[in-house]
Amino acid sequence: MTSPHALAPSRQLLNKVPEVTVYFWVIKVLCTTVGESAADFLNINLNLGLTGVSVVTGVLLVVALFFQFSANRYIPSRYWLTVTLVSVFGTLVTDNLTDNVGLPLEASTLIFGVLLGLTFLAWYLSEKTLSIHSVVTRRREAFYWLAILFTFALGTATGDLMAEVLGLGYLVTGVIVTSLIVVTAVAWRVGLNSVLSFWIIYILTRPLGASIGDYLSQPPTQGGLGLGATVTSLIFVAGIVGIVTYLAVTKADVIPSTSDGDGDGDGDEARERGGLWQTVVVVALLVGVAATGYFLRTSSLQQDATPQGAAATAVAAPAAGGSRPAPPSPLGDLSAFRVITQDTLDRLNAGDQSGATARVDDLELGWDDAQARLKPKDKAAWTEIDGRIDTVLRELRATSPDPGSEKAALTALITALG
């Protein structure tokens, strides 16, 4: 048994994290969805941009972590506020690497997977346990929150890779993720290591939450319920507040003190024997299946992206100033996106701001759906147009839109599409 002195220099506390119950997973998914929509709202509606949102969220996260670490026990409101902010910040880390640095989602997935693995390795070598039932020192809590951050970043990268780069969409991605969660839960019931099961499901609930939020917020024409990001966020925030309030009153998710009194997780260690070999086998299996699926899907997309002779670029919209056709894009026929962009500009010129804002939704959804087909043709060309579309979205969805800036962004996008 580990003596209390072995935990020095960290002071022993009551457990700082909640018991894993159905409430835990429900709030986790709700926090994930709110984190996704909150990042989009700050980035696009308030026009802060990824950098601005990252700075604001980073500061708020530091403050939340300060209060979380200063507590000597688990406090539901502090804990779940921190989880929500980690969700936003972890999403933004991946988005910044993708949009600002240009790092492919494949690379982000590998990097965050390795960082998460190294975090668990350092945690185990230092503490001899990864049990969340023994987060009773500052050092263990630091490892815990670092792992949480990497799970959100990894979950974001994995979910976006499946839904966007591989063109599966968020509905199919949600179905796949849900199936993996169910399989993991069943495996845990029949003997899979509980720590391994917990962290696998924790990672997978990130893309699951994004898929649910996407389904609720998207318009019916895109297969969603049409609630919109704002209404969806408000519903989920209300759910989080309600459940957290219930837990604060009932203490239903407070982990009881360990029977041996030292909180070192010795009882957990006895129940977790065999975790190392199970982890090696399961991780190898997941990596093998993922790599095979990625190879088959990308091969299919590459075949679809292969130019089909002159007919692939023969159709071009007339240039704005005359009858000459626009030069063909390396991405192929983009006339559908030019039509939407021009229609949006026409509505804006007619003074129909709300109509233009609604119309630009079609541009965002259509472009996202076409990413898997277009990006393999010419990554540089796709990235340039994707950046201009992001600018258009920020301008038209700003809380106080500037017509001049909106028109300039739309005109620049039309030129790029031509």
Protein backbone atom coordinates (compact mmCIF):
# COMPACT_ATOMS: atom_id res chain seq x y z
CA MET A 1 0.00 0.00 0.00
CA THR A 2 1.29 3.44 -0.85
CA SER A 3 1.92 5.61 2.19
CA PRO A 4 0.63 9.19 2.39
CA HIS A 5 4.23 10.43 2.23
CA ALA A 6 4.59 8.97 -1.26
CA LEU A 7 2.14 11.58 -2.51
CA ALA A 8 4.35 14.51 -1.52
CA PRO A 9 4.77 17.30 -2.44
CA SER A 10 1.05 17.34 -3.29
CA ARG A 11 -1.36 17.77 -0.37
CA GLN A 12 -4.06 15.10 -0.13
CA LEU A 13 -7.59 16.36 -0.76
CA LEU A 14 -11.05 14.92 -1.12
CA ASN A 15 -11.68 13.58 -4.61
CA LYS A 16 -11.87 16.53 -7.03
CA VAL A 17 -13.87 14.87 -9.82
CA PRO A 18 -17.40 13.42 -9.97
CA GLU A 19 -18.48 9.82 -9.95
CA VAL A 20 -19.13 8.47 -13.46
CA THR A 21 -22.90 8.11 -13.61
CA VAL A 22 -25.50 8.64 -16.32
CA TYR A 23 -25.57 12.30 -15.23
CA PHE A 24 -21.87 12.56 -15.97
CA TRP A 25 -22.25 11.42 -19.58
CA VAL A 26 -25.35 13.50 -20.23
CA ILE A 27 -23.65 16.69 -19.03
CA LYS A 28 -20.48 15.79 -20.92
CA VAL A 29 -22.38 15.60 -24.23
CA LEU A 30 -24.29 18.81 -23.45
CA CYS A 31 -21.04 20.64 -22.63
CA THR A 32 -19.50 19.41 -25.86
CA THR A 33 -22.36 20.75 -27.97
CA VAL A 34 -22.42 24.08 -26.13
CA GLY A 35 -18.66 24.37 -26.53
CA GLU A 36 -18.93 23.84 -30.28
CA SER A 37 -21.75 26.35 -30.80
CA ALA A 38 -20.22 28.91 -28.42
CA ALA A 39 -16.95 28.88 -30.37
CA ASP A 40 -18.86 29.43 -33.63
CA PHE A 41 -20.96 32.23 -32.09
CA LEU A 42 -17.94 34.12 -30.79
CA ASN A 43 -15.98 33.56 -33.98
CA ILE A 44 -18.67 34.41 -36.53
CA ASN A 45 -21.55 36.28 -34.89
CA LEU A 46 -19.36 38.52 -32.75
CA ASN A 47 -16.68 38.59 -35.48
CA LEU A 48 -13.83 38.01 -33.02
CA GLY A 49 -12.05 35.57 -35.33
CA LEU A 50 -10.32 32.41 -34.22
CA THR A 51 -7.43 34.27 -32.60
CA GLY A 52 -9.70 36.59 -30.62
CA VAL A 53 -11.95 33.77 -29.46
CA SER A 54 -8.92 31.70 -28.46
CA VAL A 55 -7.52 34.53 -26.33
CA VAL A 56 -10.85 35.21 -24.61
CA THR A 57 -11.54 31.53 -23.97
CA GLY A 58 -7.97 30.91 -22.81
CA VAL A 59 -8.21 33.65 -20.19
CA LEU A 60 -11.58 32.37 -18.95
CA LEU A 61 -10.20 28.84 -18.78
CA VAL A 62 -7.21 29.95 -16.69
CA VAL A 63 -9.59 31.68 -14.26
CA ALA A 64 -11.84 28.61 -14.07
CA LEU A 65 -8.87 26.31 -13.48
CA PHE A 66 -7.63 28.60 -10.70
CA PHE A 67 -10.92 28.26 -8.82
CA GLN A 68 -11.10 24.52 -9.58
CA PHE A 69 -7.61 23.90 -8.18
CA SER A 70 -8.22 26.16 -5.19
CA ALA A 71 -11.12 23.99 -4.02
CA ASN A 72 -10.38 21.10 -1.66
CA ARG A 73 -13.28 18.96 -2.89
CA TYR A 74 -15.51 18.37 -5.89
CA ILE A 75 -17.87 21.31 -6.53
CA PRO A 76 -20.25 20.63 -9.45
CA SER A 77 -20.56 24.23 -10.68
CA ARG A 78 -16.78 24.81 -10.78
CA TYR A 79 -16.01 21.43 -12.29
CA TRP A 80 -18.55 21.56 -15.13
CA LEU A 81 -17.82 25.21 -15.96
CA THR A 82 -14.19 24.18 -16.38
CA VAL A 83 -15.18 21.23 -18.58
CA THR A 84 -17.27 23.53 -20.79
CA LEU A 85 -14.40 25.99 -21.22
CA VAL A 86 -11.93 23.16 -21.89
CA SER A 87 -14.36 21.94 -24.55
CA VAL A 88 -14.36 25.35 -26.26
CA PHE A 89 -10.60 25.80 -25.94
CA GLY A 90 -9.79 22.26 -27.09
CA THR A 91 -11.96 22.80 -30.17
CA LEU A 92 -10.24 26.11 -30.88
CA VAL A 93 -6.77 24.56 -30.59
CA THR A 94 -7.61 22.15 -33.41
CA ASP A 95 -9.39 24.84 -35.46
CA ASN A 96 -6.40 27.19 -35.16
CA LEU A 97 -3.99 24.51 -36.28
CA THR A 98 -6.23 23.73 -39.25
CA ASP A 99 -7.28 27.22 -40.36
CA ASN A 100 -4.41 29.47 -39.28
CA VAL A 101 -1.44 27.11 -39.43
CA GLY A 102 -2.70 24.92 -42.26
CA LEU A 103 -2.03 21.66 -40.44
CA PRO A 104 -4.05 18.80 -41.96
CA LEU A 105 -6.60 17.15 -39.68
CA GLU A 106 -4.80 13.86 -40.21
CA ALA A 107 -1.68 15.37 -38.61
CA SER A 108 -3.70 16.95 -35.78
CA THR A 109 -5.30 13.59 -35.01
CA LEU A 110 -1.93 11.86 -34.81
CA ILE A 111 -0.31 14.66 -32.77
CA PHE A 112 -3.06 14.87 -30.16
CA GLY A 113 -3.27 11.08 -29.99
CA VAL A 114 0.44 10.89 -29.20
CA LEU A 115 0.24 13.77 -26.69
CA LEU A 116 -2.67 12.09 -24.92
CA GLY A 117 -0.75 8.81 -24.79
CA LEU A 118 2.32 10.54 -23.36
CA THR A 119 0.15 12.27 -20.75
CA PHE A 120 -1.26 8.94 -19.59
CA LEU A 121 2.23 7.44 -19.54
CA ALA A 122 3.66 10.27 -17.42
CA TRP A 123 0.59 10.14 -15.16
CA TYR A 124 0.99 6.41 -14.55
CA LEU A 125 4.76 6.51 -14.06
CA SER A 126 4.34 9.31 -11.55
CA GLU A 127 1.27 8.11 -9.67
CA LYS A 128 1.11 4.34 -10.39
CA THR A 129 -2.60 4.67 -11.17
CA LEU A 130 -4.87 6.34 -13.72
CA SER A 131 -8.00 5.86 -11.65
CA ILE A 132 -10.34 8.87 -11.57
CA HIS A 133 -11.46 7.62 -8.15
CA SER A 134 -8.16 8.79 -6.67
CA VAL A 135 -7.74 12.36 -7.98
CA VAL A 136 -6.83 13.53 -4.50
CA THR A 137 -3.64 15.55 -5.09
CA ARG A 138 -2.81 18.66 -7.13
CA ARG A 139 -0.43 16.67 -9.31
CA ARG A 140 -3.03 14.05 -10.17
CA GLU A 141 -5.54 16.80 -10.85
CA ALA A 142 -3.07 18.51 -13.20
CA PHE A 143 -2.63 15.26 -15.16
CA TYR A 144 -6.40 14.84 -15.22
CA TRP A 145 -7.12 18.26 -16.76
CA LEU A 146 -4.26 17.96 -19.23
CA ALA A 147 -5.72 14.66 -20.40
CA ILE A 148 -9.20 16.25 -20.64
CA LEU A 149 -7.81 19.03 -22.85
CA PHE A 150 -6.13 16.58 -25.22
CA THR A 151 -9.27 14.41 -25.41
CA PHE A 152 -11.29 17.39 -26.62
CA ALA A 153 -8.65 18.41 -29.14
CA LEU A 154 -8.32 14.81 -30.35
CA GLY A 155 -12.09 14.34 -30.48
CA THR A 156 -12.46 17.55 -32.51
CA ALA A 157 -9.76 16.52 -34.98
CA THR A 158 -11.13 12.99 -35.34
CA GLY A 159 -14.74 14.10 -35.76
CA ASP A 160 -13.90 16.81 -38.31
CA LEU A 161 -11.64 14.39 -40.17
CA MET A 162 -14.48 11.89 -40.51
CA ALA A 163 -17.28 14.35 -41.21
CA GLU A 164 -15.50 16.84 -43.47
CA VAL A 165 -12.26 15.51 -44.94
CA LEU A 166 -13.62 12.00 -45.50
CA GLY A 167 -17.01 13.39 -46.48
CA LEU A 168 -19.07 11.18 -44.18
CA GLY A 169 -21.10 14.07 -42.80
CA TYR A 170 -22.02 14.58 -39.16
CA LEU A 171 -25.01 12.23 -39.24
CA VAL A 172 -23.01 9.22 -40.44
CA THR A 173 -20.13 10.22 -38.16
CA GLY A 174 -22.58 10.34 -35.24
CA VAL A 175 -23.88 6.86 -36.06
CA ILE A 176 -20.35 5.43 -36.26
CA VAL A 177 -19.29 7.11 -33.02
CA THR A 178 -22.44 5.97 -31.20
CA SER A 179 -21.81 2.40 -32.35
CA LEU A 180 -18.25 2.53 -31.01
CA ILE A 181 -19.49 3.88 -27.68
CA VAL A 182 -22.04 1.07 -27.39
CA VAL A 183 -19.43 -1.56 -28.26
CA THR A 184 -17.02 -0.11 -25.67
CA ALA A 185 -19.73 -0.01 -23.00
CA VAL A 186 -20.68 -3.64 -23.67
CA ALA A 187 -17.01 -4.65 -23.61
CA TRP A 188 -16.64 -2.91 -20.24
CA ARG A 189 -19.60 -4.87 -18.92
CA VAL A 190 -17.93 -8.14 -19.87
CA GLY A 191 -14.51 -7.29 -18.47
CA LEU A 192 -12.74 -4.53 -20.42
CA ASN A 193 -10.53 -2.38 -18.21
CA SER A 194 -12.70 0.40 -16.76
CA VAL A 195 -10.05 3.14 -17.05
CA LEU A 196 -9.46 2.28 -20.71
CA SER A 197 -13.21 2.14 -21.36
CA PHE A 198 -13.77 5.49 -19.67
CA TRP A 199 -11.20 7.39 -21.72
CA ILE A 200 -12.26 5.80 -25.03
CA ILE A 201 -15.86 6.85 -24.44
CA TYR A 202 -14.75 10.27 -23.18
CA ILE A 203 -12.94 10.93 -26.47
CA LEU A 204 -15.84 9.63 -28.58
CA THR A 205 -18.47 11.77 -26.86
CA ARG A 206 -16.80 14.86 -28.36
CA PRO A 207 -17.73 14.06 -32.01
CA LEU A 208 -21.03 12.63 -30.75
CA GLY A 209 -21.95 15.96 -29.14
CA ALA A 210 -20.94 17.84 -32.29
CA SER A 211 -23.12 15.54 -34.41
CA ILE A 212 -26.13 16.05 -32.14
CA GLY A 213 -25.68 19.82 -32.16
CA ASP A 214 -25.27 19.84 -35.93
CA TYR A 215 -28.45 17.80 -36.39
CA LEU A 216 -30.50 20.05 -34.11
CA SER A 217 -29.23 23.35 -35.56
CA GLN A 218 -29.19 22.59 -39.29
CA PRO A 219 -32.23 23.52 -41.42
CA PRO A 220 -34.66 20.78 -42.49
CA THR A 221 -33.41 21.06 -46.08
CA GLN A 222 -30.08 19.71 -44.80
CA GLY A 223 -31.65 16.95 -42.73
CA GLY A 224 -31.68 18.85 -39.44
CA LEU A 225 -34.42 20.12 -37.13
CA GLY A 226 -33.75 23.78 -37.94
CA LEU A 227 -33.47 25.02 -34.35
CA GLY A 228 -30.42 27.16 -35.12
CA ALA A 229 -27.19 27.44 -33.15
CA THR A 230 -28.54 30.00 -30.66
CA VAL A 231 -31.69 28.07 -29.70
CA THR A 232 -29.76 24.79 -29.55
CA SER A 233 -27.17 26.36 -27.25
CA LEU A 234 -29.84 27.82 -24.95
CA ILE A 235 -31.59 24.45 -24.65
CA PHE A 236 -28.36 22.67 -23.81
CA VAL A 237 -27.22 25.36 -21.35
CA ALA A 238 -30.56 25.06 -19.57
CA GLY A 239 -30.06 21.30 -19.41
CA ILE A 240 -26.57 21.69 -17.96
CA VAL A 241 -27.70 24.21 -15.34
CA GLY A 242 -30.64 22.04 -14.34
CA ILE A 243 -28.63 18.84 -13.93
CA VAL A 244 -25.70 20.56 -12.19
CA THR A 245 -28.12 22.22 -9.75
CA TYR A 246 -29.68 18.83 -9.02
CA LEU A 247 -26.26 17.28 -8.41
CA ALA A 248 -25.18 20.16 -6.18
CA VAL A 249 -28.23 19.61 -3.99
CA THR A 250 -28.38 15.81 -3.93
CA LYS A 251 -24.61 15.06 -4.00
CA ALA A 252 -25.53 12.10 -6.23
CA ASP A 253 -22.19 12.15 -8.04
CA VAL A 254 -19.82 12.69 -5.12
CA ILE A 255 -17.25 9.90 -4.89
CA PRO A 256 -17.22 8.49 -1.34
CA SER A 257 -14.00 8.34 0.63
CA THR A 258 -11.90 5.21 0.01
CA SER A 259 -12.19 2.50 2.59
CA ASP A 260 -8.44 2.38 3.20
CA GLY A 261 -8.45 6.07 4.07
CA ASP A 262 -5.41 7.13 2.07
CA GLY A 263 -7.12 7.78 -1.26
CA ASP A 264 -4.31 6.15 -3.18
CA GLY A 265 -6.56 3.94 -5.28
CA ASP A 266 -5.11 0.63 -4.08
CA GLY A 267 -8.55 -0.97 -4.36
CA ASP A 268 -8.85 0.31 -7.89
CA GLU A 269 -5.42 -1.00 -8.78
CA ALA A 270 -6.46 -4.49 -7.68
CA ARG A 271 -9.52 -4.31 -9.91
CA GLU A 272 -7.56 -2.87 -12.83
CA ARG A 273 -4.98 -5.62 -13.29
CA GLY A 274 -4.55 -6.50 -16.95
CA GLY A 275 -5.11 -2.95 -18.09
CA LEU A 276 -1.73 -2.68 -19.84
CA TRP A 277 -2.14 -5.59 -22.23
CA GLN A 278 -5.79 -4.70 -22.85
CA THR A 279 -4.76 -1.14 -23.73
CA VAL A 280 -2.13 -2.36 -26.18
CA VAL A 281 -4.56 -4.73 -27.89
CA VAL A 282 -7.49 -2.30 -28.05
CA VAL A 283 -5.42 0.67 -29.23
CA ALA A 284 -3.73 -1.48 -31.89
CA LEU A 285 -7.14 -2.71 -33.04
CA LEU A 286 -8.62 0.80 -33.19
CA VAL A 287 -5.61 2.18 -35.07
CA GLY A 288 -5.70 -0.71 -37.54
CA VAL A 289 -9.42 -0.33 -38.27
CA ALA A 290 -9.12 3.45 -38.53
CA ALA A 291 -6.13 3.28 -40.88
CA THR A 292 -7.87 0.73 -43.10
CA GLY A 293 -11.06 2.78 -43.24
CA TYR A 294 -9.12 5.96 -43.96
CA PHE A 295 -7.19 4.31 -46.80
CA LEU A 296 -10.32 2.87 -48.42
CA ARG A 297 -12.26 6.14 -48.11
CA THR A 298 -9.48 8.38 -49.40
CA SER A 299 -8.87 6.02 -52.32
CA SER A 300 -12.53 6.29 -53.25
CA LEU A 301 -12.43 10.08 -52.96
CA GLN A 302 -9.31 10.28 -55.10
CA GLN A 303 -11.04 8.33 -57.85
CA ASP A 304 -14.06 10.65 -57.68
CA ALA A 305 -11.77 13.69 -57.82
CA THR A 306 -9.94 12.57 -60.98
CA PRO A 307 -10.72 15.02 -63.83
CA GLN A 308 -12.93 13.48 -66.47
CA GLY A 309 -11.50 15.07 -69.60
CA ALA A 310 -12.31 18.47 -71.00
CA ALA A 311 -15.93 18.21 -69.94
CA ALA A 312 -14.90 18.68 -66.33
CA THR A 313 -13.92 22.29 -66.92
CA ALA A 314 -15.79 23.17 -70.06
CA VAL A 315 -18.76 24.73 -68.26
CA ALA A 316 -17.98 28.14 -66.85
CA ALA A 317 -20.17 31.06 -65.87
CA PRO A 318 -19.94 34.26 -67.92
CA ALA A 319 -17.52 36.81 -66.56
CA ALA A 320 -19.13 39.73 -64.73
CA GLY A 321 -18.03 42.28 -67.32
CA GLY A 322 -18.86 40.47 -70.58
CA SER A 323 -19.49 37.25 -72.41
CA ARG A 324 -16.07 35.69 -72.05
CA PRO A 325 -16.11 32.57 -69.83
CA ALA A 326 -14.31 32.68 -66.50
CA PRO A 327 -11.03 30.75 -66.35
CA PRO A 328 -11.60 27.17 -65.16
CA SER A 329 -10.90 26.49 -61.51
CA PRO A 330 -8.52 23.67 -60.56
CA LEU A 331 -11.37 22.52 -58.32
CA GLY A 332 -13.65 21.98 -61.32
CA ASP A 333 -17.13 23.40 -61.76
CA LEU A 334 -17.90 25.87 -58.95
CA SER A 335 -20.88 27.48 -60.66
CA ALA A 336 -23.29 26.39 -57.92
CA PHE A 337 -21.28 28.30 -55.31
CA ARG A 338 -21.00 31.35 -57.58
CA VAL A 339 -24.78 31.37 -57.97
CA ILE A 340 -25.32 31.34 -54.20
CA THR A 341 -22.68 34.03 -53.64
CA GLN A 342 -24.08 36.28 -56.36
CA ASP A 343 -27.61 35.78 -55.04
CA THR A 344 -26.43 36.75 -51.57
CA LEU A 345 -24.78 39.89 -52.96
CA ASP A 346 -27.92 40.79 -54.93
CA ARG A 347 -30.04 40.55 -51.80
CA LEU A 348 -27.58 42.69 -49.91
CA ASN A 349 -27.59 45.31 -52.68
CA ALA A 350 -31.40 45.35 -52.48
CA GLY A 351 -31.21 46.10 -48.76
CA ASP A 352 -32.36 42.64 -47.67
CA GLN A 353 -29.85 41.95 -44.91
CA SER A 354 -31.85 39.13 -43.32
CA GLY A 355 -32.38 37.46 -46.68
CA ALA A 356 -28.67 37.67 -47.48
CA THR A 357 -27.76 36.23 -44.08
CA ALA A 358 -30.19 33.35 -44.59
CA ARG A 359 -28.96 32.68 -48.12
CA VAL A 360 -25.32 32.46 -47.05
CA ASP A 361 -26.25 29.44 -44.92
CA ASP A 362 -26.67 27.51 -48.16
CA LEU A 363 -23.15 28.48 -49.16
CA GLU A 364 -21.66 27.21 -45.89
CA LEU A 365 -23.55 23.93 -45.92
CA GLY A 366 -22.92 23.27 -49.61
CA TRP A 367 -19.21 24.02 -49.29
CA ASP A 368 -18.86 21.77 -46.24
CA ASP A 369 -20.64 18.94 -48.03
CA ALA A 370 -18.34 19.32 -51.05
CA GLN A 371 -15.08 19.49 -49.07
CA ALA A 372 -14.28 15.79 -49.35
CA ARG A 373 -14.81 15.91 -53.12
CA LEU A 374 -13.07 19.22 -53.88
CA LYS A 375 -10.11 19.39 -51.50
CA PRO A 376 -8.21 16.39 -52.98
CA LYS A 377 -8.21 18.11 -56.40
CA ASP A 378 -6.14 21.10 -55.27
CA LYS A 379 -5.54 21.70 -51.58
CA ALA A 380 -4.11 25.22 -52.05
CA ALA A 381 -7.03 26.39 -54.19
CA TRP A 382 -9.53 24.87 -51.77
CA THR A 383 -7.85 26.51 -48.76
CA GLU A 384 -7.91 29.94 -50.42
CA ILE A 385 -11.62 29.78 -51.21
CA ASP A 386 -12.40 28.25 -47.81
CA GLY A 387 -10.74 31.22 -46.13
CA ARG A 388 -12.75 33.70 -48.22
CA ILE A 389 -15.97 31.87 -47.36
CA ASP A 390 -15.10 32.11 -43.66
CA THR A 391 -14.64 35.86 -44.10
CA VAL A 392 -18.03 36.14 -45.81
CA LEU A 393 -19.70 34.18 -42.99
CA ARG A 394 -18.14 36.37 -40.31
CA GLU A 395 -19.18 39.58 -42.08
CA LEU A 396 -22.78 38.57 -42.76
CA ARG A 397 -23.36 36.99 -39.35
CA ALA A 398 -21.74 39.77 -37.34
CA THR A 399 -23.87 41.25 -34.56
CA SER A 400 -23.53 44.67 -36.23
CA PRO A 401 -22.85 43.94 -39.91
CA ASP A 402 -21.16 46.54 -42.11
CA PRO A 403 -22.69 46.50 -45.63
CA GLY A 404 -19.47 47.77 -47.19
CA SER A 405 -17.38 45.02 -45.66
CA GLU A 406 -20.00 42.42 -46.54
CA LYS A 407 -20.10 43.44 -50.19
CA ALA A 408 -16.29 43.54 -50.41
CA ALA A 409 -16.05 40.02 -48.96
CA LEU A 410 -18.70 38.68 -51.34
CA THR A 411 -17.09 40.33 -54.37
CA ALA A 412 -13.69 38.89 -53.46
CA LEU A 413 -15.26 35.44 -53.10
CA ILE A 414 -16.94 35.70 -56.52
CA THR A 415 -13.58 36.55 -58.04
CA ALA A 416 -11.93 33.57 -56.33
CA LEU A 417 -14.70 31.25 -57.45
CA GLY A 418 -14.31 32.47 -61.04
